Amino acid sequence: MVSDDTELETIRKKKFEGMKDAGLKKEPEVLVYSSPDCPYCTLAKEYLAKKGVKFTEYDVSKDKEKAKEMAMKSQQTAIPVLQINGRIIVGFDRQLIDDSLKKAPPPKRDELLGNLFFDPFSI
């Protein structure tokens, strides 16, 4: 019986620590779909770099799979397309970029399912 109580207490502590970590501000996840000869793509990347935002860049002029992915996500073929914390921005719009960087990313499926079985009365 004592080992069951100890095991339950360990599980509760881990769950509680996970909940505290979930509230921490994380670095934004930024993807940029662009082309080297696009002036607005260059502006968008320079703007993100000036703000100190790390991003992953995909050259859609060379990578046809990423070009298809971009078109599926944005329903557009225009570039640049930015994906910031799961939000899609077509074109270079400073205000939308800043707003998206401020917003927290939507919760991931695993995080939602992890909290599904949480019993708040067990703490």
N, C-alpha and C. Protein backbone atom coordinates (compact mmCIF):
# COMPACT_ATOMS: atom_id res chain seq x y z
N MET A 1 0.82 -1.19 0.00
CA MET A 1 0.00 0.00 0.00
C MET A 1 0.87 1.26 0.00
N VAL A 2 1.96 1.23 0.75
CA VAL A 2 2.83 2.39 0.83
C VAL A 2 3.46 2.66 -0.54
N SER A 3 3.85 1.61 -1.26
CA SER A 3 4.47 1.80 -2.57
C SER A 3 3.48 2.39 -3.57
N ASP A 4 2.18 2.02 -3.44
CA ASP A 4 1.16 2.59 -4.32
C ASP A 4 1.00 4.09 -4.07
N ASP A 5 1.01 4.48 -2.79
CA ASP A 5 0.90 5.90 -2.45
C ASP A 5 2.10 6.68 -2.96
N THR A 6 3.28 6.10 -2.83
CA THR A 6 4.49 6.75 -3.29
C THR A 6 4.48 6.89 -4.81
N GLU A 7 4.03 5.85 -5.48
CA GLU A 7 3.95 5.88 -6.95
C GLU A 7 2.94 6.93 -7.41
N LEU A 8 1.79 6.99 -6.75
CA LEU A 8 0.78 8.00 -7.11
C LEU A 8 1.31 9.41 -6.86
N GLU A 9 2.01 9.60 -5.77
CA GLU A 9 2.56 10.91 -5.46
C GLU A 9 3.60 11.33 -6.51
N THR A 10 4.40 10.39 -6.98
CA THR A 10 5.39 10.67 -8.01
C THR A 10 4.70 11.07 -9.31
N ILE A 11 3.64 10.37 -9.66
CA ILE A 11 2.87 10.69 -10.88
C ILE A 11 2.26 12.09 -10.76
N ARG A 12 1.71 12.40 -9.60
CA ARG A 12 1.11 13.73 -9.38
C ARG A 12 2.14 14.85 -9.52
N LYS A 13 3.31 14.62 -8.97
CA LYS A 13 4.36 15.64 -9.04
C LYS A 13 4.80 15.86 -10.49
N LYS A 14 4.98 14.78 -11.24
CA LYS A 14 5.37 14.90 -12.64
C LYS A 14 4.31 15.66 -13.44
N LYS A 15 3.06 15.35 -13.20
CA LYS A 15 1.96 16.02 -13.90
C LYS A 15 1.92 17.50 -13.55
N PHE A 16 2.11 17.82 -12.29
CA PHE A 16 2.09 19.20 -11.84
C PHE A 16 3.26 19.98 -12.46
N GLU A 17 4.45 19.37 -12.51
CA GLU A 17 5.61 20.03 -13.12
C GLU A 17 5.36 20.25 -14.61
N GLY A 18 4.74 19.29 -15.27
CA GLY A 18 4.40 19.44 -16.69
C GLY A 18 3.44 20.59 -16.93
N MET A 19 2.51 20.78 -16.02
CA MET A 19 1.55 21.88 -16.15
C MET A 19 2.26 23.22 -15.97
N LYS A 20 3.21 23.29 -15.06
CA LYS A 20 3.95 24.54 -14.85
C LYS A 20 4.79 24.86 -16.08
N ASP A 21 5.43 23.84 -16.67
CA ASP A 21 6.26 24.04 -17.85
C ASP A 21 5.42 24.47 -19.05
N ALA A 22 4.19 24.02 -19.13
CA ALA A 22 3.32 24.37 -20.26
C ALA A 22 3.00 25.85 -20.28
N GLY A 23 3.04 26.50 -19.13
CA GLY A 23 2.73 27.92 -19.04
C GLY A 23 3.89 28.83 -19.43
N LEU A 24 5.09 28.27 -19.58
CA LEU A 24 6.25 29.08 -19.93
C LEU A 24 6.16 29.54 -21.38
N LYS A 25 6.64 30.74 -21.62
CA LYS A 25 6.62 31.28 -22.98
C LYS A 25 7.70 30.58 -23.79
N LYS A 26 7.30 30.03 -24.92
CA LYS A 26 8.23 29.31 -25.79
C LYS A 26 8.57 30.19 -26.98
N GLU A 27 9.69 29.87 -27.58
CA GLU A 27 10.10 30.59 -28.78
C GLU A 27 9.11 30.29 -29.91
N PRO A 28 8.73 31.30 -30.69
CA PRO A 28 7.75 31.07 -31.75
C PRO A 28 8.30 30.14 -32.83
N GLU A 29 7.41 29.35 -33.38
CA GLU A 29 7.77 28.47 -34.48
C GLU A 29 7.43 29.19 -35.77
N VAL A 30 8.47 29.52 -36.56
CA VAL A 30 8.27 30.34 -37.76
C VAL A 30 8.84 29.61 -38.98
N LEU A 31 8.00 29.46 -40.00
CA LEU A 31 8.41 28.93 -41.29
C LEU A 31 8.21 30.02 -42.33
N VAL A 32 9.16 30.15 -43.26
CA VAL A 32 9.05 31.14 -44.32
C VAL A 32 9.19 30.41 -45.66
N TYR A 33 8.15 30.48 -46.46
CA TYR A 33 8.18 29.93 -47.82
C TYR A 33 8.48 31.11 -48.74
N SER A 34 9.61 31.04 -49.47
CA SER A 34 10.02 32.19 -50.24
C SER A 34 10.82 31.77 -51.47
N SER A 35 11.29 32.78 -52.18
CA SER A 35 12.13 32.59 -53.36
C SER A 35 13.23 33.64 -53.31
N PRO A 36 14.44 33.33 -53.77
CA PRO A 36 15.54 34.29 -53.67
C PRO A 36 15.33 35.58 -54.48
N ASP A 37 14.56 35.52 -55.55
CA ASP A 37 14.37 36.70 -56.39
C ASP A 37 13.13 37.52 -56.03
N CYS A 38 12.51 37.22 -54.89
CA CYS A 38 11.30 37.93 -54.45
C CYS A 38 11.69 39.02 -53.45
N PRO A 39 11.45 40.30 -53.80
CA PRO A 39 11.85 41.38 -52.89
C PRO A 39 11.06 41.38 -51.57
N TYR A 40 9.78 41.01 -51.61
CA TYR A 40 9.00 40.98 -50.38
C TYR A 40 9.43 39.84 -49.47
N CYS A 41 9.89 38.75 -50.07
CA CYS A 41 10.43 37.64 -49.28
C CYS A 41 11.68 38.10 -48.53
N THR A 42 12.53 38.84 -49.22
CA THR A 42 13.75 39.36 -48.61
C THR A 42 13.40 40.31 -47.47
N LEU A 43 12.42 41.19 -47.69
CA LEU A 43 11.99 42.11 -46.64
C LEU A 43 11.48 41.36 -45.41
N ALA A 44 10.68 40.32 -45.65
CA ALA A 44 10.11 39.55 -44.54
C ALA A 44 11.21 38.87 -43.73
N LYS A 45 12.17 38.26 -44.42
CA LYS A 45 13.26 37.58 -43.73
C LYS A 45 14.15 38.57 -42.97
N GLU A 46 14.42 39.72 -43.59
CA GLU A 46 15.22 40.75 -42.90
C GLU A 46 14.48 41.28 -41.67
N TYR A 47 13.17 41.45 -41.78
CA TYR A 47 12.37 41.94 -40.65
C TYR A 47 12.42 40.95 -39.49
N LEU A 48 12.24 39.66 -39.80
CA LEU A 48 12.30 38.63 -38.75
C LEU A 48 13.70 38.58 -38.11
N ALA A 49 14.73 38.67 -38.95
CA ALA A 49 16.10 38.62 -38.44
C ALA A 49 16.38 39.84 -37.55
N LYS A 50 15.89 41.02 -37.95
CA LYS A 50 16.10 42.24 -37.17
C LYS A 50 15.42 42.13 -35.80
N LYS A 51 14.29 41.42 -35.75
CA LYS A 51 13.57 41.23 -34.49
C LYS A 51 14.19 40.10 -33.66
N GLY A 52 15.16 39.39 -34.23
CA GLY A 52 15.83 38.31 -33.51
C GLY A 52 15.02 37.02 -33.50
N VAL A 53 14.14 36.86 -34.46
CA VAL A 53 13.28 35.67 -34.55
C VAL A 53 13.98 34.62 -35.41
N LYS A 54 14.12 33.44 -34.87
CA LYS A 54 14.69 32.33 -35.64
C LYS A 54 13.58 31.75 -36.52
N PHE A 55 13.93 31.40 -37.76
CA PHE A 55 12.94 30.85 -38.67
C PHE A 55 13.57 29.81 -39.58
N THR A 56 12.72 28.96 -40.11
CA THR A 56 13.14 27.97 -41.09
C THR A 56 12.66 28.45 -42.45
N GLU A 57 13.58 28.48 -43.39
CA GLU A 57 13.26 29.00 -44.72
C GLU A 57 13.18 27.86 -45.73
N TYR A 58 12.17 27.92 -46.59
CA TYR A 58 12.04 26.96 -47.68
C TYR A 58 12.01 27.73 -48.99
N ASP A 59 12.89 27.36 -49.91
CA ASP A 59 12.95 27.98 -51.23
C ASP A 59 11.99 27.22 -52.15
N VAL A 60 10.83 27.80 -52.38
CA VAL A 60 9.80 27.11 -53.18
C VAL A 60 10.12 27.11 -54.66
N SER A 61 11.11 27.90 -55.09
CA SER A 61 11.50 27.87 -56.50
C SER A 61 12.31 26.61 -56.82
N LYS A 62 12.91 26.01 -55.81
CA LYS A 62 13.71 24.80 -56.00
C LYS A 62 13.05 23.55 -55.43
N ASP A 63 12.28 23.70 -54.37
CA ASP A 63 11.68 22.56 -53.68
C ASP A 63 10.18 22.50 -54.01
N LYS A 64 9.83 21.68 -54.96
CA LYS A 64 8.44 21.59 -55.43
C LYS A 64 7.50 21.01 -54.38
N GLU A 65 8.01 20.12 -53.53
CA GLU A 65 7.17 19.57 -52.47
C GLU A 65 6.79 20.66 -51.46
N LYS A 66 7.75 21.51 -51.12
CA LYS A 66 7.45 22.61 -50.20
C LYS A 66 6.52 23.64 -50.87
N ALA A 67 6.64 23.79 -52.18
CA ALA A 67 5.73 24.69 -52.89
C ALA A 67 4.29 24.16 -52.82
N LYS A 68 4.13 22.86 -52.96
CA LYS A 68 2.80 22.24 -52.83
C LYS A 68 2.27 22.39 -51.40
N GLU A 69 3.16 22.16 -50.43
CA GLU A 69 2.79 22.30 -49.02
C GLU A 69 2.33 23.72 -48.72
N MET A 70 3.06 24.70 -49.25
CA MET A 70 2.72 26.10 -49.06
C MET A 70 1.34 26.41 -49.65
N ALA A 71 1.10 25.92 -50.86
CA ALA A 71 -0.18 26.17 -51.52
C ALA A 71 -1.34 25.51 -50.77
N MET A 72 -1.09 24.33 -50.21
CA MET A 72 -2.14 23.65 -49.44
C MET A 72 -2.46 24.43 -48.17
N LYS A 73 -1.43 24.92 -47.48
CA LYS A 73 -1.63 25.64 -46.22
C LYS A 73 -2.30 27.00 -46.43
N SER A 74 -1.85 27.72 -47.45
CA SER A 74 -2.30 29.11 -47.61
C SER A 74 -3.42 29.28 -48.63
N GLN A 75 -3.67 28.26 -49.43
CA GLN A 75 -4.64 28.36 -50.52
C GLN A 75 -4.23 29.47 -51.49
N GLN A 76 -2.92 29.74 -51.56
CA GLN A 76 -2.36 30.78 -52.41
C GLN A 76 -1.10 30.25 -53.08
N THR A 77 -0.73 30.88 -54.18
CA THR A 77 0.56 30.58 -54.79
C THR A 77 1.50 31.77 -54.70
N ALA A 78 1.01 32.88 -54.13
CA ALA A 78 1.83 34.07 -53.95
C ALA A 78 2.82 33.85 -52.82
N ILE A 79 3.97 34.50 -52.93
CA ILE A 79 4.99 34.44 -51.88
C ILE A 79 5.30 35.84 -51.42
N PRO A 80 5.81 36.03 -50.24
CA PRO A 80 6.14 35.03 -49.24
C PRO A 80 4.90 34.55 -48.49
N VAL A 81 5.01 33.35 -47.96
CA VAL A 81 4.01 32.82 -47.03
C VAL A 81 4.76 32.51 -45.74
N LEU A 82 4.26 33.07 -44.66
CA LEU A 82 4.86 32.85 -43.34
C LEU A 82 3.89 32.05 -42.49
N GLN A 83 4.41 31.09 -41.78
CA GLN A 83 3.62 30.34 -40.81
C GLN A 83 4.25 30.62 -39.45
N ILE A 84 3.50 31.38 -38.63
CA ILE A 84 4.00 31.77 -37.32
C ILE A 84 3.07 31.19 -36.26
N ASN A 85 3.62 30.28 -35.47
CA ASN A 85 2.83 29.61 -34.43
C ASN A 85 1.54 29.02 -34.98
N GLY A 86 1.62 28.45 -36.16
CA GLY A 86 0.46 27.79 -36.76
C GLY A 86 -0.45 28.72 -37.54
N ARG A 87 -0.18 30.01 -37.52
CA ARG A 87 -1.00 30.98 -38.25
C ARG A 87 -0.33 31.30 -39.59
N ILE A 88 -1.14 31.40 -40.65
CA ILE A 88 -0.63 31.63 -42.00
C ILE A 88 -0.76 33.11 -42.36
N ILE A 89 0.33 33.68 -42.88
CA ILE A 89 0.34 35.07 -43.36
C ILE A 89 0.84 35.03 -44.79
N VAL A 90 0.04 35.57 -45.71
CA VAL A 90 0.44 35.65 -47.10
C VAL A 90 0.89 37.07 -47.38
N GLY A 91 2.12 37.22 -47.87
CA GLY A 91 2.67 38.54 -48.14
C GLY A 91 3.44 39.06 -46.94
N PHE A 92 4.02 40.23 -47.11
CA PHE A 92 4.80 40.85 -46.04
C PHE A 92 3.95 41.91 -45.37
N ASP A 93 3.47 41.60 -44.16
CA ASP A 93 2.62 42.52 -43.40
C ASP A 93 3.18 42.60 -41.98
N ARG A 94 3.85 43.71 -41.68
CA ARG A 94 4.50 43.86 -40.37
C ARG A 94 3.53 43.68 -39.21
N GLN A 95 2.35 44.29 -39.32
CA GLN A 95 1.37 44.23 -38.23
C GLN A 95 0.92 42.79 -37.95
N LEU A 96 0.62 42.04 -39.01
CA LEU A 96 0.21 40.64 -38.83
C LEU A 96 1.35 39.80 -38.26
N ILE A 97 2.56 40.07 -38.72
CA ILE A 97 3.71 39.33 -38.21
C ILE A 97 3.88 39.60 -36.71
N ASP A 98 3.84 40.88 -36.32
CA ASP A 98 3.99 41.22 -34.91
C ASP A 98 2.88 40.62 -34.06
N ASP A 99 1.64 40.68 -34.54
CA ASP A 99 0.52 40.11 -33.79
C ASP A 99 0.68 38.60 -33.62
N SER A 100 1.11 37.92 -34.68
CA SER A 100 1.27 36.47 -34.61
C SER A 100 2.42 36.06 -33.70
N LEU A 101 3.47 36.88 -33.67
CA LEU A 101 4.60 36.58 -32.78
C LEU A 101 4.22 36.74 -31.32
N LYS A 102 3.28 37.64 -31.02
CA LYS A 102 2.85 37.88 -29.64
C LYS A 102 1.92 36.78 -29.13
N LYS A 103 1.17 36.16 -30.03
CA LYS A 103 0.19 35.16 -29.61
C LYS A 103 0.88 33.83 -29.34
N ALA A 104 0.38 33.16 -28.34
CA ALA A 104 0.91 31.83 -28.02
C ALA A 104 0.46 30.84 -29.08
N PRO A 105 1.28 29.85 -29.35
CA PRO A 105 0.86 28.84 -30.32
C PRO A 105 -0.32 28.04 -29.79
N PRO A 106 -1.18 27.57 -30.69
CA PRO A 106 -2.27 26.73 -30.22
C PRO A 106 -1.71 25.45 -29.61
N PRO A 107 -2.39 24.88 -28.62
CA PRO A 107 -1.85 23.67 -27.98
C PRO A 107 -1.76 22.51 -28.95
N LYS A 108 -0.73 21.73 -28.77
CA LYS A 108 -0.54 20.54 -29.60
C LYS A 108 -1.51 19.45 -29.16
N ARG A 109 -1.79 18.55 -30.06
CA ARG A 109 -2.73 17.46 -29.81
C ARG A 109 -2.31 16.64 -28.59
N ASP A 110 -1.02 16.34 -28.49
CA ASP A 110 -0.52 15.53 -27.37
C ASP A 110 -0.72 16.24 -26.03
N GLU A 111 -0.54 17.57 -26.02
CA GLU A 111 -0.75 18.32 -24.78
C GLU A 111 -2.21 18.29 -24.37
N LEU A 112 -3.10 18.41 -25.35
CA LEU A 112 -4.53 18.36 -25.05
C LEU A 112 -4.93 17.00 -24.51
N LEU A 113 -4.43 15.94 -25.14
CA LEU A 113 -4.76 14.59 -24.69
C LEU A 113 -4.12 14.29 -23.35
N GLY A 114 -2.94 14.85 -23.10
CA GLY A 114 -2.27 14.63 -21.82
C GLY A 114 -3.06 15.20 -20.66
N ASN A 115 -3.77 16.30 -20.89
CA ASN A 115 -4.57 16.92 -19.84
C ASN A 115 -5.96 16.32 -19.74
N LEU A 116 -6.32 15.49 -20.69
CA LEU A 116 -7.65 14.88 -20.70
C LEU A 116 -7.87 13.99 -19.48
N PHE A 117 -6.81 13.32 -19.05
CA PHE A 117 -6.93 12.38 -17.95
C PHE A 117 -6.47 12.95 -16.63
N PHE A 118 -6.28 14.25 -16.58
CA PHE A 118 -5.81 14.88 -15.35
C PHE A 118 -6.97 15.03 -14.38
N ASP A 119 -6.73 14.63 -13.16
CA ASP A 119 -7.73 14.74 -12.10
C ASP A 119 -7.32 15.89 -11.19
N PRO A 120 -7.99 17.05 -11.28
CA PRO A 120 -7.58 18.21 -10.48
C PRO A 120 -7.74 17.99 -8.97
N PHE A 121 -8.56 17.03 -8.56
CA PHE A 121 -8.76 16.79 -7.15
C PHE A 121 -7.73 15.85 -6.55
N SER A 122 -6.82 15.37 -7.41
CA SER A 122 -5.83 14.42 -6.90
C SER A 122 -4.58 15.14 -6.36
N ILE A 123 -4.50 16.45 -6.52
CA ILE A 123 -3.32 17.17 -6.04
C ILE A 123 -3.44 17.47 -4.58
